[in-house]
Every structure is written in structure tokens, then in C-alpha cells.
Amino acid sequence: MNKHNTADLVAFTKLTKKKQKAVKLMFEGDLTIKEIAQELHCGERTLYSWKYDDLFIKAQSEYAILNIRLSEYAILNKRLRNLGV
């Protein structure tokens, strides 16, 4: 996700860059907690503690919702182009 509306990411923008990256990596779902911890140079326990932090939870939700909206928008645009609209 290169472009996003920061108004939709209020909690996300309050996180540190490291926590933002954790949210992104967790959302992508390609890595295990252990692999994410290695990528971020932190412990697995740190990630687990972040997962229970209210601001982190809210940021994950915002990030997921925005990505879903962007995906839906891309699908709609593709369908409209296919219809010649």
C-alpha cells in the first residue's frame, strides 16, 4: 500500500515506525511471529505484548479496513474498465 488516507489511519500513525512495520507484516500474513521478530530486531514476547496493546489493536483494524477498501476500489475500477465505463 503506497498511498493511503492518513485520516483513516489515526491510531496507525501514532505508532512507532517499528510497530507500523509489524502491523503491515502481520497483515500480509507471509511471516511467522518469529520471522517478524527477526525482521524487526525484537523479541517474540515484544510482538505478543504489542498484539494486546489497545492502540496496536486499533491500528491493525484501521490498516486492515483501509486495505480492504483499496482492494474493493481496485476491483471496481477493473470491472468498470472492462465494461468500457
C-alpha atoms as a PDB file:
ATOM      1  CA  MET A   1       0.000   0.000   0.000  1.00  0.00           C
ATOM      2  CA  ASN A   2       1.887   3.039  -1.236  1.00  0.00           C
ATOM      3  CA  LYS A   3      -0.795   5.684  -0.962  1.00  0.00           C
ATOM      4  CA  HIS A   4      -3.274   5.856   1.842  1.00  0.00           C
ATOM      5  CA  ASN A   5      -5.525   8.353   3.501  1.00  0.00           C
ATOM      6  CA  THR A   6      -3.915   9.113   6.857  1.00  0.00           C
ATOM      7  CA  ALA A   7      -7.298  10.291   8.149  1.00  0.00           C
ATOM      8  CA  ASP A   8      -8.269   6.603   8.050  1.00  0.00           C
ATOM      9  CA  LEU A   9      -5.130   5.624   9.964  1.00  0.00           C
ATOM     10  CA  VAL A  10      -5.332   7.707  13.141  1.00  0.00           C
ATOM     11  CA  ALA A  11      -4.090   5.012  15.521  1.00  0.00           C
ATOM     12  CA  PHE A  12      -1.649   3.619  12.956  1.00  0.00           C
ATOM     13  CA  THR A  13       0.107   6.983  12.560  1.00  0.00           C
ATOM     14  CA  LYS A  14       0.558   7.200  16.342  1.00  0.00           C
ATOM     15  CA  LEU A  15       2.638   4.025  16.362  1.00  0.00           C
ATOM     16  CA  THR A  16       6.410   3.985  16.081  1.00  0.00           C
ATOM     17  CA  LYS A  17       7.818   3.070  12.666  1.00  0.00           C
ATOM     18  CA  LYS A  18       8.777  -0.355  14.037  1.00  0.00           C
ATOM     19  CA  LYS A  19       5.234  -1.026  15.247  1.00  0.00           C
ATOM     20  CA  GLN A  20       3.816   0.213  11.932  1.00  0.00           C
ATOM     21  CA  LYS A  21       6.030  -2.269  10.123  1.00  0.00           C
ATOM     22  CA  ALA A  22       4.848  -5.001  12.497  1.00  0.00           C
ATOM     23  CA  VAL A  23       1.222  -4.177  11.665  1.00  0.00           C
ATOM     24  CA  LYS A  24       1.999  -4.380   7.941  1.00  0.00           C
ATOM     25  CA  LEU A  25       3.909  -7.656   8.222  1.00  0.00           C
ATOM     26  CA  MET A  26       1.219  -9.245  10.390  1.00  0.00           C
ATOM     27  CA  PHE A  27      -1.462  -8.141   7.939  1.00  0.00           C
ATOM     28  CA  GLU A  28       0.386  -9.635   4.972  1.00  0.00           C
ATOM     29  CA  GLY A  29       0.423 -12.975   6.772  1.00  0.00           C
ATOM     30  CA  ASP A  30       3.502 -14.298   4.984  1.00  0.00           C
ATOM     31  CA  LEU A  31       5.755 -14.467   8.051  1.00  0.00           C
ATOM     32  CA  THR A  32       5.530 -16.148  11.428  1.00  0.00           C
ATOM     33  CA  ILE A  33       5.810 -14.162  14.647  1.00  0.00           C
ATOM     34  CA  LYS A  34       9.361 -15.452  14.977  1.00  0.00           C
ATOM     35  CA  GLU A  35      10.253 -14.251  11.474  1.00  0.00           C
ATOM     36  CA  ILE A  36       8.630 -10.862  12.073  1.00  0.00           C
ATOM     37  CA  ALA A  37      10.576 -10.513  15.332  1.00  0.00           C
ATOM     38  CA  GLN A  38      13.802 -11.269  13.460  1.00  0.00           C
ATOM     39  CA  GLU A  39      12.910  -8.766  10.727  1.00  0.00           C
ATOM     40  CA  LEU A  40      12.227  -6.058  13.327  1.00  0.00           C
ATOM     41  CA  HIS A  41      15.172  -6.991  15.564  1.00  0.00           C
ATOM     42  CA  CYS A  42      12.984  -7.507  18.604  1.00  0.00           C
ATOM     43  CA  GLY A  43      11.830 -10.407  20.694  1.00  0.00           C
ATOM     44  CA  GLU A  44       8.771 -12.528  20.080  1.00  0.00           C
ATOM     45  CA  ARG A  45       7.496 -11.559  23.531  1.00  0.00           C
ATOM     46  CA  THR A  46       7.636  -7.921  22.454  1.00  0.00           C
ATOM     47  CA  LEU A  47       5.405  -8.673  19.472  1.00  0.00           C
ATOM     48  CA  TYR A  48       2.984 -10.629  21.628  1.00  0.00           C
ATOM     49  CA  SER A  49       2.785  -7.726  24.082  1.00  0.00           C
ATOM     50  CA  TRP A  50       2.117  -5.312  21.203  1.00  0.00           C
ATOM     51  CA  LYS A  51      -0.710  -7.563  19.991  1.00  0.00           C
ATOM     52  CA  TYR A  52      -2.547  -6.905  23.281  1.00  0.00           C
ATOM     53  CA  ASP A  53      -1.943  -3.146  23.301  1.00  0.00           C
ATOM     54  CA  ASP A  54      -5.155  -1.192  22.623  1.00  0.00           C
ATOM     55  CA  LEU A  55      -3.521   1.299  20.246  1.00  0.00           C
ATOM     56  CA  PHE A  56      -1.805  -1.502  18.303  1.00  0.00           C
ATOM     57  CA  ILE A  57      -5.088  -3.418  18.021  1.00  0.00           C
ATOM     58  CA  LYS A  58      -6.866  -0.299  16.749  1.00  0.00           C
ATOM     59  CA  ALA A  59      -4.050   0.334  14.258  1.00  0.00           C
ATOM     60  CA  GLN A  60      -4.303  -3.237  12.951  1.00  0.00           C
ATOM     61  CA  SER A  61      -8.025  -2.780  12.437  1.00  0.00           C
ATOM     62  CA  GLU A  62      -7.578   0.549  10.632  1.00  0.00           C
ATOM     63  CA  TYR A  63      -4.874  -0.891   8.397  1.00  0.00           C
ATOM     64  CA  ALA A  64      -6.964  -3.941   7.511  1.00  0.00           C
ATOM     65  CA  ILE A  65     -10.083  -1.889   6.761  1.00  0.00           C
ATOM     66  CA  LEU A  66      -8.149   0.516   4.553  1.00  0.00           C
ATOM     67  CA  ASN A  67      -6.540  -2.344   2.630  1.00  0.00           C
ATOM     68  CA  ILE A  68      -9.910  -3.986   2.100  1.00  0.00           C
ATOM     69  CA  ARG A  69     -11.350  -0.701   0.830  1.00  0.00           C
ATOM     70  CA  LEU A  70      -8.421  -0.225  -1.538  1.00  0.00           C
ATOM     71  CA  SER A  71      -8.820  -3.779  -2.834  1.00  0.00           C
ATOM     72  CA  GLU A  72     -12.534  -3.268  -3.413  1.00  0.00           C
ATOM     73  CA  TYR A  73     -11.820   0.006  -5.191  1.00  0.00           C
ATOM     74  CA  ALA A  74      -9.267  -1.675  -7.472  1.00  0.00           C
ATOM     75  CA  ILE A  75     -11.716  -4.468  -8.319  1.00  0.00           C
ATOM     76  CA  LEU A  76     -14.484  -1.979  -9.067  1.00  0.00           C
ATOM     77  CA  ASN A  77     -12.199   0.096 -11.305  1.00  0.00           C
ATOM     78  CA  LYS A  78     -11.152  -3.026 -13.208  1.00  0.00           C
ATOM     79  CA  ARG A  79     -14.771  -4.052 -13.739  1.00  0.00           C
ATOM     80  CA  LEU A  80     -15.705  -0.581 -14.920  1.00  0.00           C
ATOM     81  CA  ARG A  81     -12.805  -0.548 -17.388  1.00  0.00           C
ATOM     82  CA  ASN A  82     -13.901  -3.957 -18.690  1.00  0.00           C
ATOM     83  CA  LEU A  83     -17.389  -2.529 -19.240  1.00  0.00           C
ATOM     84  CA  GLY A  84     -15.910   0.463 -21.079  1.00  0.00           C
ATOM     85  CA  VAL A  85     -17.111   2.951 -18.488  1.00  0.00           C
END
